[in-house]
Amino acid sequence: MPVHTLPAVEALRRLDQFETVIDARSEDEHALDHIPGALNWPTLNNAERITIGTMYKQVNAFEAKKRGAAIAARNIAAHIEREVIDKPREWKPMVYCWRGGNRSGSLATILGAIGFHVTLIEGGYKAWRAALVEDLTPQAQRLQYRVVCGPTGSGKTRLLQALAAQGAQVLDLEALANHRSSVLGHIPGLPQPSQKRFDSLIWDALRRFDPARPVFVESESKKVGNVRVPDALIERMRESPCIDLQLPNEERVALLLEDYDFFVTDPVHFCDRLQALVELRGKAVIDGWVEKVAAGRTPEVVLELLTQHYDPMYSASIKRNFKLYGQAVPAVLSDRSVKALEQLAKQLV
């Protein structure tokens, strides 16, 4: 059966129509970013891709193509034996590689020869990425947002989770970014996605939302750790209605000590991270906080971090950037309990 080609823009719109999407690129390319839900069937794996690329440069293209074809044939055979033998005739995969060339073309040709209806993305991942970046703007603009504002430790993330549990539409940018969006927000052992991957995760979330219902999102800055929120999304967020989440200070400290428990169990790491604030707070202040942490007075340090550092910065930023914050709906929590968050979520929904 002949292989059909599909422009990347059309593939974007029809993504959910394909039962299987196959990424024929190497493991590293796939890890950097891939079409949402795509399976990785490397035509050439990481090491093989480097070997063939080196042959292209140091020997010649003809010899490299011969060697690459032999490797690709073995890999494709293994993929078919592992993944395809039990597939019915009606199976209709979509396949892509970097530019829609040899790697995905070889796999698609063989699958088509078997008798499957195979679709190949024109221009491969490169074209898909360009189409996705362009589509991020209309996807962000078609939705209505409710921005959960509140100082550090007020429970914004927990409220988003409670809202999701109540069936609300929630966009948790910090979860997608693997970061808690502050100088101390890096989560040990959990690397952030690449910018391309972050964009793809956001696009995939936005496209699934119903524009007739609000999307709850936290009042993020333009960057969440090392990744940047798409301009169209941050602009829509900043012009949307706000919710002003409030929690007593002692509850905020307790919440942060729970959410950042790795700082409590590893005070050395906490003190190392505090050094990032020397330029803003001064060496004397940071040295004082380090001494208190060493003396087991971490809750006291957290309270001072909130009142002296995070709160003034957050207040200035939120008033400057979120146009409707002055008309924000107050959302007061008496405590950080699951019950209190659930009750508030029900009211907001």
C-alpha atoms as a PDB file:
ATOM      1  CA  MET A   1       0.000   0.000   0.000  1.00  0.00           C
ATOM      2  CA  PRO A   2       1.454   3.438  -0.900  1.00  0.00           C
ATOM      3  CA  VAL A   3       2.661   5.756   1.847  1.00  0.00           C
ATOM      4  CA  HIS A   4       0.594   8.922   2.245  1.00  0.00           C
ATOM      5  CA  THR A   5       2.178  12.242   3.184  1.00  0.00           C
ATOM      6  CA  LEU A   6       0.543  14.868   5.368  1.00  0.00           C
ATOM      7  CA  PRO A   7       1.576  18.518   5.865  1.00  0.00           C
ATOM      8  CA  ALA A   8       2.651  19.232   9.434  1.00  0.00           C
ATOM      9  CA  VAL A   9      -0.168  21.755   9.955  1.00  0.00           C
ATOM     10  CA  GLU A  10      -2.711  19.098   8.990  1.00  0.00           C
ATOM     11  CA  ALA A  11      -0.969  16.489  11.158  1.00  0.00           C
ATOM     12  CA  LEU A  12      -1.345  18.899  14.081  1.00  0.00           C
ATOM     13  CA  ARG A  13      -5.117  19.075  13.559  1.00  0.00           C
ATOM     14  CA  ARG A  14      -5.572  15.355  12.968  1.00  0.00           C
ATOM     15  CA  LEU A  15      -3.228  14.034  15.656  1.00  0.00           C
ATOM     16  CA  ASP A  16      -5.938  12.271  17.649  1.00  0.00           C
ATOM     17  CA  GLN A  17      -7.092  10.362  14.571  1.00  0.00           C
ATOM     18  CA  PHE A  18      -3.939   8.244  14.552  1.00  0.00           C
ATOM     19  CA  GLU A  19      -3.866   5.201  16.795  1.00  0.00           C
ATOM     20  CA  THR A  20      -0.051   5.187  16.829  1.00  0.00           C
ATOM     21  CA  VAL A  21       2.520   7.913  16.187  1.00  0.00           C
ATOM     22  CA  ILE A  22       6.064   6.643  15.603  1.00  0.00           C
ATOM     23  CA  ASP A  23       9.225   8.723  16.062  1.00  0.00           C
ATOM     24  CA  ALA A  24      11.986   7.142  13.956  1.00  0.00           C
ATOM     25  CA  ARG A  25      14.696   9.427  15.351  1.00  0.00           C
ATOM     26  CA  SER A  26      17.332   8.461  17.903  1.00  0.00           C
ATOM     27  CA  GLU A  27      16.676   8.195  21.635  1.00  0.00           C
ATOM     28  CA  ASP A  28      18.340  11.530  22.427  1.00  0.00           C
ATOM     29  CA  GLU A  29      16.355  13.372  19.764  1.00  0.00           C
ATOM     30  CA  HIS A  30      13.147  11.839  21.094  1.00  0.00           C
ATOM     31  CA  ALA A  31      14.004  12.771  24.691  1.00  0.00           C
ATOM     32  CA  LEU A  32      14.636  16.407  23.746  1.00  0.00           C
ATOM     33  CA  ASP A  33      11.113  16.674  22.360  1.00  0.00           C
ATOM     34  CA  HIS A  34       8.603  14.634  20.399  1.00  0.00           C
ATOM     35  CA  ILE A  35       5.036  14.686  19.193  1.00  0.00           C
ATOM     36  CA  PRO A  36       2.733  14.065  22.187  1.00  0.00           C
ATOM     37  CA  GLY A  37       2.195  10.351  22.674  1.00  0.00           C
ATOM     38  CA  ALA A  38       4.766   9.311  20.058  1.00  0.00           C
ATOM     39  CA  LEU A  39       6.568   5.979  20.473  1.00  0.00           C
ATOM     40  CA  ASN A  40      10.299   5.905  19.804  1.00  0.00           C
ATOM     41  CA  TRP A  41      11.373   3.337  17.184  1.00  0.00           C
ATOM     42  CA  PRO A  42      14.895   4.504  16.248  1.00  0.00           C
ATOM     43  CA  THR A  43      15.902   3.667  12.698  1.00  0.00           C
ATOM     44  CA  LEU A  44      19.410   4.523  13.918  1.00  0.00           C
ATOM     45  CA  ASN A  45      20.091   4.689  17.653  1.00  0.00           C
ATOM     46  CA  ASN A  46      22.290   7.306  19.297  1.00  0.00           C
ATOM     47  CA  ALA A  47      25.605   5.537  18.709  1.00  0.00           C
ATOM     48  CA  GLU A  48      24.688   4.383  15.185  1.00  0.00           C
ATOM     49  CA  ARG A  49      23.640   7.880  14.155  1.00  0.00           C
ATOM     50  CA  ILE A  50      27.026   9.244  15.235  1.00  0.00           C
ATOM     51  CA  THR A  51      28.855   6.442  13.403  1.00  0.00           C
ATOM     52  CA  ILE A  52      27.012   7.029  10.124  1.00  0.00           C
ATOM     53  CA  GLY A  53      27.348  10.780  10.421  1.00  0.00           C
ATOM     54  CA  THR A  54      31.096  10.408  10.879  1.00  0.00           C
ATOM     55  CA  MET A  55      31.290   8.178   7.777  1.00  0.00           C
ATOM     56  CA  TYR A  56      29.505  10.833   5.745  1.00  0.00           C
ATOM     57  CA  LYS A  57      32.189  13.355   6.690  1.00  0.00           C
ATOM     58  CA  GLN A  58      35.323  11.199   6.788  1.00  0.00           C
ATOM     59  CA  VAL A  59      34.641   8.645   4.005  1.00  0.00           C
ATOM     60  CA  ASN A  60      31.821   9.540   1.603  1.00  0.00           C
ATOM     61  CA  ALA A  61      28.038   9.605   1.345  1.00  0.00           C
ATOM     62  CA  PHE A  62      27.799   6.392  -0.710  1.00  0.00           C
ATOM     63  CA  GLU A  63      29.657   4.256   1.832  1.00  0.00           C
ATOM     64  CA  ALA A  64      27.737   5.867   4.690  1.00  0.00           C
ATOM     65  CA  LYS A  65      24.405   5.142   3.005  1.00  0.00           C
ATOM     66  CA  LYS A  66      25.307   1.483   2.478  1.00  0.00           C
ATOM     67  CA  ARG A  67      26.305   1.025   6.102  1.00  0.00           C
ATOM     68  CA  GLY A  68      23.324   3.062   7.322  1.00  0.00           C
ATOM     69  CA  ALA A  69      20.909   0.995   5.219  1.00  0.00           C
ATOM     70  CA  ALA A  70      22.228  -2.251   6.689  1.00  0.00           C
ATOM     71  CA  ILE A  71      21.850  -0.967  10.248  1.00  0.00           C
ATOM     72  CA  ALA A  72      18.450   0.569   9.566  1.00  0.00           C
ATOM     73  CA  ALA A  73      17.155  -2.664   8.029  1.00  0.00           C
ATOM     74  CA  ARG A  74      18.135  -4.646  11.135  1.00  0.00           C
ATOM     75  CA  ASN A  75      16.553  -2.097  13.456  1.00  0.00           C
ATOM     76  CA  ILE A  76      13.337  -1.867  11.451  1.00  0.00           C
ATOM     77  CA  ALA A  77      13.096  -5.670  11.399  1.00  0.00           C
ATOM     78  CA  ALA A  78      13.428  -5.724  15.183  1.00  0.00           C
ATOM     79  CA  HIS A  79      10.710  -3.074  15.545  1.00  0.00           C
ATOM     80  CA  ILE A  80       8.357  -5.068  13.318  1.00  0.00           C
ATOM     81  CA  GLU A  81       8.978  -8.310  15.188  1.00  0.00           C
ATOM     82  CA  ARG A  82       8.501  -6.608  18.545  1.00  0.00           C
ATOM     83  CA  GLU A  83       5.609  -4.229  17.812  1.00  0.00           C
ATOM     84  CA  VAL A  84       3.868  -5.016  14.521  1.00  0.00           C
ATOM     85  CA  ILE A  85       3.282  -8.759  14.245  1.00  0.00           C
ATOM     86  CA  ASP A  86       0.035  -8.574  16.241  1.00  0.00           C
ATOM     87  CA  LYS A  87      -1.291  -5.438  14.522  1.00  0.00           C
ATOM     88  CA  PRO A  88      -4.469  -5.817  12.411  1.00  0.00           C
ATOM     89  CA  ARG A  89      -4.688  -4.710   8.780  1.00  0.00           C
ATOM     90  CA  GLU A  90      -6.697  -1.649   9.899  1.00  0.00           C
ATOM     91  CA  TRP A  91      -3.768  -0.242  11.917  1.00  0.00           C
ATOM     92  CA  LYS A  92      -2.909   3.248  10.597  1.00  0.00           C
ATOM     93  CA  PRO A  93       0.324   4.668  12.051  1.00  0.00           C
ATOM     94  CA  MET A  94       1.783   8.115  11.466  1.00  0.00           C
ATOM     95  CA  VAL A  95       5.592   8.189  11.152  1.00  0.00           C
ATOM     96  CA  TYR A  96       8.159  10.974  11.264  1.00  0.00           C
ATOM     97  CA  CYS A  97      11.877  11.666  11.712  1.00  0.00           C
ATOM     98  CA  TRP A  98      13.864  14.909  11.737  1.00  0.00           C
ATOM     99  CA  ARG A  99      12.936  16.108   8.227  1.00  0.00           C
ATOM    100  CA  GLY A 100      10.737  13.301   6.961  1.00  0.00           C
ATOM    101  CA  GLY A 101      13.580  11.776   4.975  1.00  0.00           C
ATOM    102  CA  ASN A 102      15.471   8.510   5.000  1.00  0.00           C
ATOM    103  CA  ARG A 103      14.853   7.310   8.540  1.00  0.00           C
ATOM    104  CA  SER A 104      11.073   7.662   8.637  1.00  0.00           C
ATOM    105  CA  GLY A 105      10.790   7.023   4.893  1.00  0.00           C
ATOM    106  CA  SER A 106      12.475   3.618   5.198  1.00  0.00           C
ATOM    107  CA  LEU A 107      10.234   2.542   8.054  1.00  0.00           C
ATOM    108  CA  ALA A 108       7.101   3.872   6.345  1.00  0.00           C
ATOM    109  CA  THR A 109       7.945   2.132   3.054  1.00  0.00           C
ATOM    110  CA  ILE A 110       8.308  -1.260   4.718  1.00  0.00           C
ATOM    111  CA  LEU A 111       5.126  -0.840   6.777  1.00  0.00           C
ATOM    112  CA  GLY A 112       3.302   0.212   3.620  1.00  0.00           C
ATOM    113  CA  ALA A 113       4.664  -2.797   1.741  1.00  0.00           C
ATOM    114  CA  ILE A 114       3.222  -5.049   4.444  1.00  0.00           C
ATOM    115  CA  GLY A 115      -0.182  -3.556   3.699  1.00  0.00           C
ATOM    116  CA  PHE A 116      -0.685  -0.963   6.437  1.00  0.00           C
ATOM    117  CA  HIS A 117      -2.089   2.499   5.708  1.00  0.00           C
ATOM    118  CA  VAL A 118       0.939   4.640   6.685  1.00  0.00           C
ATOM    119  CA  THR A 119       1.078   8.440   6.899  1.00  0.00           C
ATOM    120  CA  LEU A 120       4.375  10.330   6.764  1.00  0.00           C
ATOM    121  CA  ILE A 121       4.655  13.897   8.090  1.00  0.00           C
ATOM    122  CA  GLU A 122       6.024  16.189   5.384  1.00  0.00           C
ATOM    123  CA  GLY A 123       9.154  17.887   6.679  1.00  0.00           C
ATOM    124  CA  GLY A 124       9.244  15.656   9.769  1.00  0.00           C
ATOM    125  CA  TYR A 125       9.691  16.956  13.304  1.00  0.00           C
ATOM    126  CA  LYS A 126      11.241  20.199  12.055  1.00  0.00           C
ATOM    127  CA  ALA A 127       8.055  21.132  10.215  1.00  0.00           C
ATOM    128  CA  TRP A 128       5.898  19.875  13.101  1.00  0.00           C
ATOM    129  CA  ARG A 129       7.770  22.077  15.561  1.00  0.00           C
ATOM    130  CA  ALA A 130       7.264  25.165  13.365  1.00  0.00           C
ATOM    131  CA  ALA A 131       3.549  24.408  13.037  1.00  0.00           C
ATOM    132  CA  LEU A 132       3.205  23.859  16.793  1.00  0.00           C
ATOM    133  CA  VAL A 133       4.925  27.147  17.673  1.00  0.00           C
ATOM    134  CA  GLU A 134       2.571  28.975  15.320  1.00  0.00           C
ATOM    135  CA  ASP A 135      -0.473  27.186  16.750  1.00  0.00           C
ATOM    136  CA  LEU A 136       0.402  28.034  20.364  1.00  0.00           C
ATOM    137  CA  THR A 137      -0.936  31.572  19.945  1.00  0.00           C
ATOM    138  CA  PRO A 138      -4.473  30.698  18.767  1.00  0.00           C
ATOM    139  CA  GLN A 139      -4.650  27.836  21.269  1.00  0.00           C
ATOM    140  CA  ALA A 140      -3.779  30.211  24.128  1.00  0.00           C
ATOM    141  CA  GLN A 141      -6.080  32.967  22.907  1.00  0.00           C
ATOM    142  CA  ARG A 142      -9.209  30.841  22.452  1.00  0.00           C
ATOM    143  CA  LEU A 143      -9.457  30.069  26.184  1.00  0.00           C
ATOM    144  CA  GLN A 144     -10.646  32.013  29.238  1.00  0.00           C
ATOM    145  CA  TYR A 145      -8.451  31.898  32.344  1.00  0.00           C
ATOM    146  CA  ARG A 146      -8.833  32.344  36.086  1.00  0.00           C
ATOM    147  CA  VAL A 147      -5.454  33.212  37.591  1.00  0.00           C
ATOM    148  CA  VAL A 148      -4.745  31.941  41.102  1.00  0.00           C
ATOM    149  CA  CYS A 149      -2.642  34.618  42.797  1.00  0.00           C
ATOM    150  CA  GLY A 150      -1.154  34.532  46.257  1.00  0.00           C
ATOM    151  CA  PRO A 151       2.226  34.884  47.978  1.00  0.00           C
ATOM    152  CA  THR A 152       4.707  32.026  48.237  1.00  0.00           C
ATOM    153  CA  GLY A 153       3.405  29.235  50.453  1.00  0.00           C
ATOM    154  CA  SER A 154      -0.251  30.245  50.228  1.00  0.00           C
ATOM    155  CA  GLY A 155      -1.141  26.902  48.610  1.00  0.00           C
ATOM    156  CA  LYS A 156      -1.622  27.867  44.948  1.00  0.00           C
ATOM    157  CA  THR A 157      -0.427  24.510  43.629  1.00  0.00           C
ATOM    158  CA  ARG A 158      -2.497  22.603  46.173  1.00  0.00           C
ATOM    159  CA  LEU A 159      -5.551  24.630  45.178  1.00  0.00           C
ATOM    160  CA  LEU A 160      -4.972  23.783  41.515  1.00  0.00           C
ATOM    161  CA  GLN A 161      -4.842  20.116  42.481  1.00  0.00           C
ATOM    162  CA  ALA A 162      -8.051  20.460  44.492  1.00  0.00           C
ATOM    163  CA  LEU A 163      -9.722  22.225  41.566  1.00  0.00           C
ATOM    164  CA  ALA A 164      -8.670  19.417  39.224  1.00  0.00           C
ATOM    165  CA  ALA A 165     -10.144  16.890  41.658  1.00  0.00           C
ATOM    166  CA  GLN A 166     -13.441  18.776  41.403  1.00  0.00           C
ATOM    167  CA  GLY A 167     -13.399  18.440  37.624  1.00  0.00           C
ATOM    168  CA  ALA A 168     -12.152  21.925  36.817  1.00  0.00           C
ATOM    169  CA  GLN A 169      -9.853  22.596  33.876  1.00  0.00           C
ATOM    170  CA  VAL A 170      -6.364  23.204  35.292  1.00  0.00           C
ATOM    171  CA  LEU A 171      -3.092  24.183  33.632  1.00  0.00           C
ATOM    172  CA  ASP A 172      -0.286  23.438  36.109  1.00  0.00           C
ATOM    173  CA  LEU A 173       2.760  25.062  34.515  1.00  0.00           C
ATOM    174  CA  GLU A 174       5.060  24.184  37.421  1.00  0.00           C
ATOM    175  CA  ALA A 175       4.190  20.497  37.076  1.00  0.00           C
ATOM    176  CA  LEU A 176       4.908  20.634  33.341  1.00  0.00           C
ATOM    177  CA  ALA A 177       8.196  22.448  34.013  1.00  0.00           C
ATOM    178  CA  ASN A 178       9.328  20.223  36.911  1.00  0.00           C
ATOM    179  CA  HIS A 179      10.073  23.372  38.905  1.00  0.00           C
ATOM    180  CA  ARG A 180       8.454  25.400  41.683  1.00  0.00           C
ATOM    181  CA  SER A 181       9.174  28.717  40.026  1.00  0.00           C
ATOM    182  CA  SER A 182      11.530  30.484  42.421  1.00  0.00           C
ATOM    183  CA  VAL A 183      15.226  30.740  43.197  1.00  0.00           C
ATOM    184  CA  LEU A 184      14.751  27.789  45.565  1.00  0.00           C
ATOM    185  CA  GLY A 185      12.304  26.023  43.253  1.00  0.00           C
ATOM    186  CA  HIS A 186      14.593  23.396  41.726  1.00  0.00           C
ATOM    187  CA  ILE A 187      13.412  19.880  42.625  1.00  0.00           C
ATOM    188  CA  PRO A 188      16.392  17.599  43.388  1.00  0.00           C
ATOM    189  CA  GLY A 189      16.729  14.648  41.034  1.00  0.00           C
ATOM    190  CA  LEU A 190      14.075  15.930  38.641  1.00  0.00           C
ATOM    191  CA  PRO A 191      15.528  17.650  35.552  1.00  0.00           C
ATOM    192  CA  GLN A 192      13.522  20.271  33.732  1.00  0.00           C
ATOM    193  CA  PRO A 193      12.290  19.556  30.199  1.00  0.00           C
ATOM    194  CA  SER A 194      13.871  21.305  27.237  1.00  0.00           C
ATOM    195  CA  GLN A 195      12.159  24.488  26.036  1.00  0.00           C
ATOM    196  CA  LYS A 196      10.827  22.587  23.016  1.00  0.00           C
ATOM    197  CA  ARG A 197       9.401  19.850  25.251  1.00  0.00           C
ATOM    198  CA  PHE A 198       7.819  22.429  27.572  1.00  0.00           C
ATOM    199  CA  ASP A 199       6.164  24.114  24.581  1.00  0.00           C
ATOM    200  CA  SER A 200       4.840  20.766  23.363  1.00  0.00           C
ATOM    201  CA  LEU A 201       3.431  19.878  26.793  1.00  0.00           C
ATOM    202  CA  ILE A 202       1.679  23.249  27.026  1.00  0.00           C
ATOM    203  CA  TRP A 203       0.274  22.965  23.495  1.00  0.00           C
ATOM    204  CA  ASP A 204      -1.002  19.464  24.201  1.00  0.00           C
ATOM    205  CA  ALA A 205      -2.734  20.666  27.369  1.00  0.00           C
ATOM    206  CA  LEU A 206      -4.252  23.791  25.777  1.00  0.00           C
ATOM    207  CA  ARG A 207      -5.705  21.978  22.767  1.00  0.00           C
ATOM    208  CA  ARG A 208      -7.693  19.639  25.041  1.00  0.00           C
ATOM    209  CA  PHE A 209      -9.460  22.385  27.020  1.00  0.00           C
ATOM    210  CA  ASP A 210     -13.081  23.367  26.416  1.00  0.00           C
ATOM    211  CA  PRO A 211     -13.253  27.122  25.625  1.00  0.00           C
ATOM    212  CA  ALA A 212     -16.719  27.283  27.200  1.00  0.00           C
ATOM    213  CA  ARG A 213     -15.223  26.586  30.647  1.00  0.00           C
ATOM    214  CA  PRO A 214     -12.500  28.557  32.494  1.00  0.00           C
ATOM    215  CA  VAL A 215      -8.959  27.270  32.814  1.00  0.00           C
ATOM    216  CA  PHE A 216      -7.412  27.760  36.251  1.00  0.00           C
ATOM    217  CA  VAL A 217      -3.713  28.630  36.201  1.00  0.00           C
ATOM    218  CA  GLU A 218      -1.180  29.969  38.697  1.00  0.00           C
ATOM    219  CA  SER A 219       0.182  33.525  38.446  1.00  0.00           C
ATOM    220  CA  GLU A 220       3.550  32.530  37.023  1.00  0.00           C
ATOM    221  CA  SER A 221       6.273  34.844  35.815  1.00  0.00           C
ATOM    222  CA  LYS A 222       7.567  34.599  32.249  1.00  0.00           C
ATOM    223  CA  LYS A 223      10.018  31.867  33.254  1.00  0.00           C
ATOM    224  CA  VAL A 224       9.482  28.753  35.334  1.00  0.00           C
ATOM    225  CA  GLY A 225      13.005  27.811  36.291  1.00  0.00           C
ATOM    226  CA  ASN A 226      14.942  27.641  33.023  1.00  0.00           C
ATOM    227  CA  VAL A 227      11.976  27.378  30.649  1.00  0.00           C
ATOM    228  CA  ARG A 228       9.889  30.213  29.294  1.00  0.00           C
ATOM    229  CA  VAL A 229       6.103  30.398  29.181  1.00  0.00           C
ATOM    230  CA  PRO A 230       4.937  31.138  25.597  1.00  0.00           C
ATOM    231  CA  ASP A 231       4.331  34.863  25.093  1.00  0.00           C
ATOM    232  CA  ALA A 232       0.736  34.463  23.918  1.00  0.00           C
ATOM    233  CA  LEU A 233      -0.160  32.475  27.036  1.00  0.00           C
ATOM    234  CA  ILE A 234       1.498  34.791  29.537  1.00  0.00           C
ATOM    235  CA  GLU A 235      -0.198  37.783  27.871  1.00  0.00           C
ATOM    236  CA  ARG A 236      -3.643  36.153  28.144  1.00  0.00           C
ATOM    237  CA  MET A 237      -2.970  35.216  31.765  1.00  0.00           C
ATOM    238  CA  ARG A 238      -1.974  38.768  32.640  1.00  0.00           C
ATOM    239  CA  GLU A 239      -5.197  40.223  31.310  1.00  0.00           C
ATOM    240  CA  SER A 240      -7.469  37.622  32.959  1.00  0.00           C
ATOM    241  CA  PRO A 241      -9.564  37.749  36.179  1.00  0.00           C
ATOM    242  CA  CYS A 242      -7.643  36.883  39.353  1.00  0.00           C
ATOM    243  CA  ILE A 243      -8.253  34.954  42.565  1.00  0.00           C
ATOM    244  CA  ASP A 244      -6.409  36.263  45.637  1.00  0.00           C
ATOM    245  CA  LEU A 245      -5.487  33.222  47.749  1.00  0.00           C
ATOM    246  CA  GLN A 246      -4.711  33.996  51.392  1.00  0.00           C
ATOM    247  CA  LEU A 247      -3.327  31.761  54.159  1.00  0.00           C
ATOM    248  CA  PRO A 248      -2.012  32.686  57.650  1.00  0.00           C
ATOM    249  CA  ASN A 249       1.775  32.954  57.901  1.00  0.00           C
ATOM    250  CA  GLU A 250       2.211  30.061  60.325  1.00  0.00           C
ATOM    251  CA  GLU A 251       0.274  27.837  57.918  1.00  0.00           C
ATOM    252  CA  ARG A 252       2.367  29.060  54.997  1.00  0.00           C
ATOM    253  CA  VAL A 253       5.574  28.100  56.831  1.00  0.00           C
ATOM    254  CA  ALA A 254       4.195  24.660  57.675  1.00  0.00           C
ATOM    255  CA  LEU A 255       3.047  24.159  54.066  1.00  0.00           C
ATOM    256  CA  LEU A 256       6.466  25.060  52.668  1.00  0.00           C
ATOM    257  CA  LEU A 257       8.254  22.772  55.113  1.00  0.00           C
ATOM    258  CA  GLU A 258       6.016  19.968  53.811  1.00  0.00           C
ATOM    259  CA  ASP A 259       6.390  20.787  50.120  1.00  0.00           C
ATOM    260  CA  TYR A 260      10.133  21.458  50.376  1.00  0.00           C
ATOM    261  CA  ASP A 261      10.857  18.623  52.793  1.00  0.00           C
ATOM    262  CA  PHE A 262      14.146  17.928  50.999  1.00  0.00           C
ATOM    263  CA  PHE A 263      15.448  21.210  52.449  1.00  0.00           C
ATOM    264  CA  VAL A 264      14.521  20.024  55.943  1.00  0.00           C
ATOM    265  CA  THR A 265      16.162  16.613  55.509  1.00  0.00           C
ATOM    266  CA  ASP A 266      19.206  18.101  53.759  1.00  0.00           C
ATOM    267  CA  PRO A 267      20.033  21.423  55.451  1.00  0.00           C
ATOM    268  CA  VAL A 268      23.408  21.604  53.670  1.00  0.00           C
ATOM    269  CA  HIS A 269      21.590  21.688  50.332  1.00  0.00           C
ATOM    270  CA  PHE A 270      19.220  24.332  51.678  1.00  0.00           C
ATOM    271  CA  CYS A 271      22.135  26.518  52.733  1.00  0.00           C
ATOM    272  CA  ASP A 272      23.811  26.054  49.363  1.00  0.00           C
ATOM    273  CA  ARG A 273      20.637  27.238  47.604  1.00  0.00           C
ATOM    274  CA  LEU A 274      20.400  30.259  49.915  1.00  0.00           C
ATOM    275  CA  GLN A 275      23.704  31.495  48.465  1.00  0.00           C
ATOM    276  CA  ALA A 276      21.806  32.375  45.275  1.00  0.00           C
ATOM    277  CA  LEU A 277      20.167  35.198  47.267  1.00  0.00           C
ATOM    278  CA  VAL A 278      23.406  36.863  48.420  1.00  0.00           C
ATOM    279  CA  GLU A 279      23.278  39.502  45.684  1.00  0.00           C
ATOM    280  CA  LEU A 280      19.698  40.450  46.570  1.00  0.00           C
ATOM    281  CA  ARG A 281      19.738  40.140  50.367  1.00  0.00           C
ATOM    282  CA  GLY A 282      23.406  40.684  51.239  1.00  0.00           C
ATOM    283  CA  LYS A 283      25.992  38.323  52.656  1.00  0.00           C
ATOM    284  CA  ALA A 284      25.286  39.211  56.294  1.00  0.00           C
ATOM    285  CA  VAL A 285      21.610  38.263  56.005  1.00  0.00           C
ATOM    286  CA  ILE A 286      22.364  34.988  54.234  1.00  0.00           C
ATOM    287  CA  ASP A 287      25.091  34.099  56.747  1.00  0.00           C
ATOM    288  CA  GLY A 288      22.567  34.710  59.517  1.00  0.00           C
ATOM    289  CA  TRP A 289      20.045  32.398  57.875  1.00  0.00           C
ATOM    290  CA  VAL A 290      22.678  29.711  57.399  1.00  0.00           C
ATOM    291  CA  GLU A 291      23.564  29.905  61.109  1.00  0.00           C
ATOM    292  CA  LYS A 292      19.908  29.530  62.076  1.00  0.00           C
ATOM    293  CA  VAL A 293      19.458  26.524  59.796  1.00  0.00           C
ATOM    294  CA  ALA A 294      22.537  24.925  61.347  1.00  0.00           C
ATOM    295  CA  ALA A 295      21.010  25.534  64.780  1.00  0.00           C
ATOM    296  CA  GLY A 296      17.781  23.764  63.767  1.00  0.00           C
ATOM    297  CA  ARG A 297      15.780  26.968  63.382  1.00  0.00           C
ATOM    298  CA  THR A 298      14.680  26.306  59.788  1.00  0.00           C
ATOM    299  CA  PRO A 299      11.021  27.360  60.350  1.00  0.00           C
ATOM    300  CA  GLU A 300      12.246  30.758  61.542  1.00  0.00           C
ATOM    301  CA  VAL A 301      14.372  31.123  58.401  1.00  0.00           C
ATOM    302  CA  VAL A 302      11.424  30.179  56.190  1.00  0.00           C
ATOM    303  CA  LEU A 303       9.240  32.834  57.834  1.00  0.00           C
ATOM    304  CA  GLU A 304      11.923  35.480  57.333  1.00  0.00           C
ATOM    305  CA  LEU A 305      12.388  34.370  53.716  1.00  0.00           C
ATOM    306  CA  LEU A 306       8.680  34.881  53.161  1.00  0.00           C
ATOM    307  CA  THR A 307       8.221  38.212  54.908  1.00  0.00           C
ATOM    308  CA  GLN A 308      11.552  39.820  53.991  1.00  0.00           C
ATOM    309  CA  HIS A 309      12.208  38.430  50.509  1.00  0.00           C
ATOM    310  CA  TYR A 310       9.379  36.670  48.693  1.00  0.00           C
ATOM    311  CA  ASP A 311       6.355  38.693  49.836  1.00  0.00           C
ATOM    312  CA  PRO A 312       7.624  42.190  48.877  1.00  0.00           C
ATOM    313  CA  MET A 313       8.870  40.951  45.496  1.00  0.00           C
ATOM    314  CA  TYR A 314       5.673  39.036  44.782  1.00  0.00           C
ATOM    315  CA  SER A 315       3.429  41.935  45.749  1.00  0.00           C
ATOM    316  CA  ALA A 316       5.265  44.349  43.471  1.00  0.00           C
ATOM    317  CA  SER A 317       5.338  41.882  40.582  1.00  0.00           C
ATOM    318  CA  ILE A 318       1.691  40.835  40.766  1.00  0.00           C
ATOM    319  CA  LYS A 319       0.428  44.435  40.896  1.00  0.00           C
ATOM    320  CA  ARG A 320       2.696  45.426  38.019  1.00  0.00           C
ATOM    321  CA  ASN A 321       1.931  42.521  35.682  1.00  0.00           C
ATOM    322  CA  PHE A 322      -1.631  41.301  36.296  1.00  0.00           C
ATOM    323  CA  LYS A 323      -4.030  44.002  35.149  1.00  0.00           C
ATOM    324  CA  LEU A 324      -7.114  42.787  37.034  1.00  0.00           C
ATOM    325  CA  TYR A 325      -5.416  41.925  40.323  1.00  0.00           C
ATOM    326  CA  GLY A 326      -6.988  44.979  41.939  1.00  0.00           C
ATOM    327  CA  GLN A 327     -10.400  43.397  41.367  1.00  0.00           C
ATOM    328  CA  ALA A 328      -9.288  39.908  42.474  1.00  0.00           C
ATOM    329  CA  VAL A 329     -11.826  37.677  44.206  1.00  0.00           C
ATOM    330  CA  PRO A 330     -10.610  37.014  47.801  1.00  0.00           C
ATOM    331  CA  ALA A 331     -10.132  33.324  48.604  1.00  0.00           C
ATOM    332  CA  VAL A 332      -9.276  32.944  52.286  1.00  0.00           C
ATOM    333  CA  LEU A 333      -8.061  29.641  53.704  1.00  0.00           C
ATOM    334  CA  SER A 334      -8.150  29.192  57.467  1.00  0.00           C
ATOM    335  CA  ASP A 335      -5.580  26.411  57.226  1.00  0.00           C
ATOM    336  CA  ARG A 336      -3.764  24.194  54.721  1.00  0.00           C
ATOM    337  CA  SER A 337      -5.922  21.115  55.293  1.00  0.00           C
ATOM    338  CA  VAL A 338      -7.285  18.996  52.479  1.00  0.00           C
ATOM    339  CA  LYS A 339     -10.813  19.766  53.661  1.00  0.00           C
ATOM    340  CA  ALA A 340     -10.277  23.544  53.544  1.00  0.00           C
ATOM    341  CA  LEU A 341      -8.816  23.349  50.030  1.00  0.00           C
ATOM    342  CA  GLU A 342     -11.630  21.076  48.861  1.00  0.00           C
ATOM    343  CA  GLN A 343     -14.286  23.459  50.172  1.00  0.00           C
ATOM    344  CA  LEU A 344     -12.619  26.433  48.480  1.00  0.00           C
ATOM    345  CA  ALA A 345     -12.300  24.533  45.201  1.00  0.00           C
ATOM    346  CA  LYS A 346     -16.000  23.678  45.272  1.00  0.00           C
ATOM    347  CA  GLN A 347     -16.859  27.353  45.778  1.00  0.00           C
ATOM    348  CA  LEU A 348     -14.628  28.433  42.883  1.00  0.00           C
ATOM    349  CA  VAL A 349     -15.952  25.755  40.533  1.00  0.00           C
END
